[in-house]
PDB file of N, CA and C in Angstrom:
ATOM      1  N   MET A   1      -6.343  20.008  25.336  1.00  0.00           N
ATOM      2  CA  MET A   1      -7.360  19.041  24.785  1.00  0.00           C
ATOM      3  C   MET A   1      -7.597  18.179  25.992  1.00  0.00           C
ATOM      4  N   PRO A   2      -8.890  17.384  25.996  1.00  0.00           N
ATOM      5  CA  PRO A   2      -9.004  16.452  26.916  1.00  0.00           C
ATOM      6  C   PRO A   2      -8.659  15.191  26.190  1.00  0.00           C
ATOM      7  N   TRP A   3      -8.374  14.112  27.246  1.00  0.00           N
ATOM      8  CA  TRP A   3      -7.729  12.943  26.958  1.00  0.00           C
ATOM      9  C   TRP A   3      -8.716  12.200  26.101  1.00  0.00           C
ATOM     10  N   TYR A   4      -9.970  12.217  25.734  1.00  0.00           N
ATOM     11  CA  TYR A   4     -10.600  11.545  24.923  1.00  0.00           C
ATOM     12  C   TYR A   4     -10.521  11.785  23.350  1.00  0.00           C
ATOM     13  N   VAL A   5      -9.945  13.291  23.299  1.00  0.00           N
ATOM     14  CA  VAL A   5      -9.679  13.465  21.966  1.00  0.00           C
ATOM     15  C   VAL A   5      -8.468  12.979  21.609  1.00  0.00           C
ATOM     16  N   TRP A   6      -7.277  13.057  22.469  1.00  0.00           N
ATOM     17  CA  TRP A   6      -6.291  12.385  22.028  1.00  0.00           C
ATOM     18  C   TRP A   6      -6.329  10.748  21.646  1.00  0.00           C
ATOM     19  N   LEU A   7      -7.366  10.172  22.324  1.00  0.00           N
ATOM     20  CA  LEU A   7      -7.608   8.818  22.155  1.00  0.00           C
ATOM     21  C   LEU A   7      -8.222   8.660  20.747  1.00  0.00           C
ATOM     22  N   ILE A   8      -8.970   9.493  20.585  1.00  0.00           N
ATOM     23  CA  ILE A   8      -9.686   9.391  19.022  1.00  0.00           C
ATOM     24  C   ILE A   8      -8.703   9.680  17.995  1.00  0.00           C
ATOM     25  N   LEU A   9      -7.979  10.843  18.339  1.00  0.00           N
ATOM     26  CA  LEU A   9      -6.745  11.105  17.215  1.00  0.00           C
ATOM     27  C   LEU A   9      -5.843   9.529  17.243  1.00  0.00           C
ATOM     28  N   LEU A  10      -5.568   9.051  18.245  1.00  0.00           N
ATOM     29  CA  LEU A  10      -4.484   7.924  18.349  1.00  0.00           C
ATOM     30  C   LEU A  10      -5.443   6.968  17.378  1.00  0.00           C
ATOM     31  N   VAL A  11      -6.753   6.648  17.686  1.00  0.00           N
ATOM     32  CA  VAL A  11      -7.437   5.473  16.870  1.00  0.00           C
ATOM     33  C   VAL A  11      -7.471   5.807  15.676  1.00  0.00           C
ATOM     34  N   VAL A  12      -7.634   6.936  14.967  1.00  0.00           N
ATOM     35  CA  VAL A  12      -7.804   7.394  13.454  1.00  0.00           C
ATOM     36  C   VAL A  12      -6.306   7.379  13.028  1.00  0.00           C
ATOM     37  N   PHE A  13      -5.192   7.701  13.290  1.00  0.00           N
ATOM     38  CA  PHE A  13      -3.912   7.604  12.969  1.00  0.00           C
ATOM     39  C   PHE A  13      -3.652   5.986  12.763  1.00  0.00           C
ATOM     40  N   GLY A  14      -3.986   5.512  13.934  1.00  0.00           N
ATOM     41  CA  GLY A  14      -3.567   3.986  13.856  1.00  0.00           C
ATOM     42  C   GLY A  14      -4.472   2.929  12.894  1.00  0.00           C
ATOM     43  N   SER A  15      -5.727   3.734  12.823  1.00  0.00           N
ATOM     44  CA  SER A  15      -6.549   2.781  11.723  1.00  0.00           C
ATOM     45  C   SER A  15      -6.048   3.084  10.218  1.00  0.00           C
ATOM     46  N   VAL A  16      -5.482   4.425   9.834  1.00  0.00           N
ATOM     47  CA  VAL A  16      -5.117   4.827   8.780  1.00  0.00           C
ATOM     48  C   VAL A  16      -3.661   3.986   8.396  1.00  0.00           C
ATOM     49  N   ILE A  17      -2.735   4.147   9.251  1.00  0.00           N
ATOM     50  CA  ILE A  17      -1.336   3.385   9.055  1.00  0.00           C
ATOM     51  C   ILE A  17      -1.765   1.984   8.943  1.00  0.00           C
ATOM     52  N   GLY A  18      -2.288   1.388   9.759  1.00  0.00           N
ATOM     53  CA  GLY A  18      -2.851  -0.052   9.793  1.00  0.00           C
ATOM     54  C   GLY A  18      -3.116  -0.240   8.385  1.00  0.00           C
ATOM     55  N   SER A  19      -4.188   0.252   7.731  1.00  0.00           N
ATOM     56  CA  SER A  19      -4.638  -0.084   6.508  1.00  0.00           C
ATOM     57  C   SER A  19      -3.927   0.225   5.373  1.00  0.00           C
ATOM     58  N   LEU A  20      -2.867   1.192   5.474  1.00  0.00           N
ATOM     59  CA  LEU A  20      -2.032   1.341   4.460  1.00  0.00           C
ATOM     60  C   LEU A  20      -1.160   0.030   4.455  1.00  0.00           C
ATOM     61  N   LEU A  21      -0.521  -0.312   5.660  1.00  0.00           N
ATOM     62  CA  LEU A  21       0.225  -1.220   5.621  1.00  0.00           C
ATOM     63  C   LEU A  21      -0.471  -2.694   5.214  1.00  0.00           C
ATOM     64  N   MET A  22      -1.671  -2.980   5.506  1.00  0.00           N
ATOM     65  CA  MET A  22      -2.339  -4.172   4.944  1.00  0.00           C
ATOM     66  C   MET A  22      -2.633  -4.091   3.560  1.00  0.00           C
ATOM     67  N   LEU A  23      -2.582  -2.866   2.811  1.00  0.00           N
ATOM     68  CA  LEU A  23      -2.704  -2.520   1.456  1.00  0.00           C
ATOM     69  C   LEU A  23      -1.465  -3.141   0.871  1.00  0.00           C
ATOM     70  N   ARG A  24      -0.244  -2.724   1.530  1.00  0.00           N
ATOM     71  CA  ARG A  24       1.096  -2.882   1.205  1.00  0.00           C
ATOM     72  C   ARG A  24       1.278  -4.371   1.106  1.00  0.00           C
ATOM     73  N   ASP A  25       1.077  -5.069   2.224  1.00  0.00           N
ATOM     74  CA  ASP A  25       1.278  -6.446   2.147  1.00  0.00           C
ATOM     75  C   ASP A  25       0.325  -7.369   1.218  1.00  0.00           C
ATOM     76  N   GLY A  26      -0.729  -6.630   0.838  1.00  0.00           N
ATOM     77  CA  GLY A  26      -1.455  -7.553   0.084  1.00  0.00           C
ATOM     78  C   GLY A  26      -1.352  -7.358  -1.458  1.00  0.00           C
ATOM     79  N   ALA A  27      -0.619  -6.559  -1.653  1.00  0.00           N
ATOM     80  CA  ALA A  27      -0.237  -6.156  -3.093  1.00  0.00           C
ATOM     81  C   ALA A  27       0.652  -7.698  -3.696  1.00  0.00           C
ATOM     82  N   LYS A  28       0.325  -8.027  -4.637  1.00  0.00           N
ATOM     83  CA  LYS A  28       1.315  -8.972  -5.358  1.00  0.00           C
ATOM     84  C   LYS A  28       1.386  -8.711  -6.573  1.00  0.00           C
ATOM     85  N   LYS A  29       2.904  -9.115  -7.078  1.00  0.00           N
ATOM     86  CA  LYS A  29       3.355  -8.952  -8.194  1.00  0.00           C
ATOM     87  C   LYS A  29       2.443  -9.900  -9.248  1.00  0.00           C
ATOM     88  N   ILE A  30       2.296  -9.749 -10.579  1.00  0.00           N
ATOM     89  CA  ILE A  30       1.627 -10.244 -11.315  1.00  0.00           C
ATOM     90  C   ILE A  30       2.745 -11.090 -12.239  1.00  0.00           C
ATOM     91  N   PRO A  31       2.532 -12.303 -12.197  1.00  0.00           N
ATOM     92  CA  PRO A  31       3.396 -13.228 -12.880  1.00  0.00           C
ATOM     93  C   PRO A  31       3.112 -12.958 -14.361  1.00  0.00           C
ATOM     94  N   LEU A  32       4.166 -12.484 -15.339  1.00  0.00           N
ATOM     95  CA  LEU A  32       4.028 -12.329 -16.647  1.00  0.00           C
ATOM     96  C   LEU A  32       4.977 -13.198 -17.497  1.00  0.00           C
ATOM     97  N   THR A  33       4.702 -13.631 -18.436  1.00  0.00           N
ATOM     98  CA  THR A  33       5.565 -14.422 -19.363  1.00  0.00           C
ATOM     99  C   THR A  33       6.491 -13.472 -20.051  1.00  0.00           C
ATOM    100  N   GLU A  34       7.530 -14.079 -20.675  1.00  0.00           N
ATOM    101  CA  GLU A  34       8.598 -13.196 -21.286  1.00  0.00           C
ATOM    102  C   GLU A  34       7.614 -12.687 -22.442  1.00  0.00           C
ATOM    103  N   GLU A  35       6.677 -13.435 -23.338  1.00  0.00           N
ATOM    104  CA  GLU A  35       6.197 -12.705 -24.385  1.00  0.00           C
ATOM    105  C   GLU A  35       5.208 -11.534 -24.240  1.00  0.00           C
ATOM    106  N   GLN A  36       4.602 -11.758 -22.829  1.00  0.00           N
ATOM    107  CA  GLN A  36       3.781 -10.600 -22.556  1.00  0.00           C
ATOM    108  C   GLN A  36       4.388  -9.432 -22.143  1.00  0.00           C
ATOM    109  N   LEU A  37       5.694  -9.586 -21.255  1.00  0.00           N
ATOM    110  CA  LEU A  37       6.427  -8.532 -21.142  1.00  0.00           C
ATOM    111  C   LEU A  37       7.132  -7.603 -22.397  1.00  0.00           C
ATOM    112  N   LYS A  38       7.433  -8.622 -23.424  1.00  0.00           N
ATOM    113  CA  LYS A  38       7.904  -8.034 -24.741  1.00  0.00           C
ATOM    114  C   LYS A  38       6.621  -6.997 -25.346  1.00  0.00           C
ATOM    115  N   LYS A  39       5.455  -7.581 -25.250  1.00  0.00           N
ATOM    116  CA  LYS A  39       4.480  -6.734 -25.636  1.00  0.00           C
ATOM    117  C   LYS A  39       4.128  -5.629 -25.170  1.00  0.00           C
ATOM    118  N   ILE A  40       4.499  -5.521 -23.906  1.00  0.00           N
ATOM    119  CA  ILE A  40       4.431  -4.495 -22.965  1.00  0.00           C
ATOM    120  C   ILE A  40       5.090  -3.281 -23.337  1.00  0.00           C
ATOM    121  N   LYS A  41       6.565  -3.822 -23.354  1.00  0.00           N
ATOM    122  CA  LYS A  41       7.711  -2.886 -23.694  1.00  0.00           C
ATOM    123  C   LYS A  41       7.175  -2.397 -25.099  1.00  0.00           C
ATOM    124  N   ALA A  42       6.814  -3.223 -25.919  1.00  0.00           N
ATOM    125  CA  ALA A  42       6.736  -2.641 -27.313  1.00  0.00           C
ATOM    126  C   ALA A  42       5.705  -1.593 -27.406  1.00  0.00           C
ATOM    127  N   ARG A  43       4.552  -1.771 -26.545  1.00  0.00           N
ATOM    128  CA  ARG A  43       3.468  -0.936 -26.614  1.00  0.00           C
ATOM    129  C   ARG A  43       4.043   0.346 -25.842  1.00  0.00           C
ATOM    130  N   ASN A  44       4.751   0.347 -24.889  1.00  0.00           N
ATOM    131  CA  ASN A  44       5.130   1.726 -24.302  1.00  0.00           C
ATOM    132  C   ASN A  44       6.025   2.326 -25.111  1.00  0.00           C
ATOM    133  N   ALA A  45       6.948   1.535 -25.804  1.00  0.00           N
ATOM    134  CA  ALA A  45       7.813   2.353 -26.554  1.00  0.00           C
ATOM    135  C   ALA A  45       7.048   3.293 -27.862  1.00  0.00           C
ATOM    136  N   ARG A  46       6.052   2.371 -28.423  1.00  0.00           N
ATOM    137  CA  ARG A  46       5.103   3.073 -29.271  1.00  0.00           C
ATOM    138  C   ARG A  46       4.514   4.211 -28.923  1.00  0.00           C
ATOM    139  N   LEU A  47       3.847   4.031 -27.597  1.00  0.00           N
ATOM    140  CA  LEU A  47       3.099   5.372 -27.009  1.00  0.00           C
ATOM    141  C   LEU A  47       4.068   6.367 -26.844  1.00  0.00           C
ATOM    142  N   ASP A  48       5.371   6.130 -26.175  1.00  0.00           N
ATOM    143  CA  ASP A  48       6.288   7.408 -26.168  1.00  0.00           C
ATOM    144  C   ASP A  48       6.588   8.181 -27.247  1.00  0.00           C
ATOM    145  N   ALA A  49       6.940   6.884 -28.305  1.00  0.00           N
ATOM    146  CA  ALA A  49       7.403   7.837 -29.746  1.00  0.00           C
ATOM    147  C   ALA A  49       5.917   8.533 -30.195  1.00  0.00           C
ATOM    148  N   GLU A  50       4.771   8.239 -30.123  1.00  0.00           N
ATOM    149  CA  GLU A  50       3.617   8.757 -30.460  1.00  0.00           C
ATOM    150  C   GLU A  50       3.409  10.062 -29.674  1.00  0.00           C
ATOM    151  N   GLU A  51       3.788   9.933 -28.298  1.00  0.00           N
ATOM    152  CA  GLU A  51       3.513  11.256 -27.453  1.00  0.00           C
ATOM    153  C   GLU A  51       4.667  12.245 -27.992  1.00  0.00           C
ATOM    154  N   LYS A  52       5.899  11.615 -28.143  1.00  0.00           N
ATOM    155  CA  LYS A  52       6.941  12.574 -28.588  1.00  0.00           C
ATOM    156  C   LYS A  52       6.763  13.460 -29.902  1.00  0.00           C
ATOM    157  N   ARG A  53       5.949  12.607 -30.943  1.00  0.00           N
ATOM    158  CA  ARG A  53       5.939  13.303 -32.049  1.00  0.00           C
ATOM    159  C   ARG A  53       4.550  14.445 -32.048  1.00  0.00           C
ATOM    160  N   GLU A  54       3.683  14.085 -30.768  1.00  0.00           N
ATOM    161  CA  GLU A  54       2.683  14.879 -31.072  1.00  0.00           C
ATOM    162  C   GLU A  54       3.163  16.344 -30.119  1.00  0.00           C
ATOM    163  N   LYS A  55       4.116  16.421 -29.515  1.00  0.00           N
ATOM    164  CA  LYS A  55       4.692  17.390 -28.742  1.00  0.00           C
ATOM    165  C   LYS A  55       5.400  18.216 -29.721  1.00  0.00           C
ATOM    166  N   GLU A  56       6.080  17.708 -30.676  1.00  0.00           N
ATOM    167  CA  GLU A  56       6.855  18.316 -31.741  1.00  0.00           C
ATOM    168  C   GLU A  56       5.906  19.309 -32.708  1.00  0.00           C
TER     169      GLU A  56
END
């Protein structure tokens, strides 16, 4: 392959990897209160129970 094809491939892979790293660094955890965490856990448990009942 000619040298410019390798250069294009290097630029493409570099931009994809760089974008993924920037996306990972930009992700922030959402601060939740204890009450919100309890609601989320209760909703997940309820949905899991409903899903289990539907499978039976």
